[in-house]
Amino acid sequence: MSPQCGTRRLRPRPARRHRETLITEFARYLGIPVTTRMTQTQITDAVCHTYTAAGVQLVLIDEIHRLNPRTTTGAQTADLLKDLTERLPATFVYAGINVTDTPLFTGTRGAQLASRATLVDCGPLPARHGTREPFREVITDIENALDLHQHKP
């Protein structure tokens, strides 16, 4: 599926992911070929070039509360996200549980991420509430508000 045809979601497993595999997931999302001989800088450059060329304007990252910048892999991932926010002309939306209670936006790295973000406390958003599906409704509202070329819900 090309980026103009839908809203596929990256599904990295944040607890096990770090900078290397996360940038590879970003590459895989747009079909950027990645070889074992490529450096992380080469992959990051390819991702930034392709995302910019494709006109990606919104990057949603869920379960951001699992990112702990006080660990080595968490710090590397936080650095990658900071780099991507500086290099991509896109809005980054981080979603998570009790984000203000995690080390994500504290300390040196956390302060750098926090300076690039605005916290919007929206409370819990259940997948289902009776017969309604609030999470699906939010995604539908976002899709309707964006200019998604050739989008098929």
Foldseek 3Di string as FASTA:
>chain_A
DAQLAEDDAQDDDVLPDFLQVVLVSLCVVHPNDDDPPDDSVRSLVVSLVVCVVSPAAEHEAEACLSQACVDPRSVRRLVSVLVSVVRHNYDYHYYHDPSVPGCCLDDDSNVSVVVVDDDDPPDDQACDDPPDGRVVVVVVVVVVVDPRHNYDD
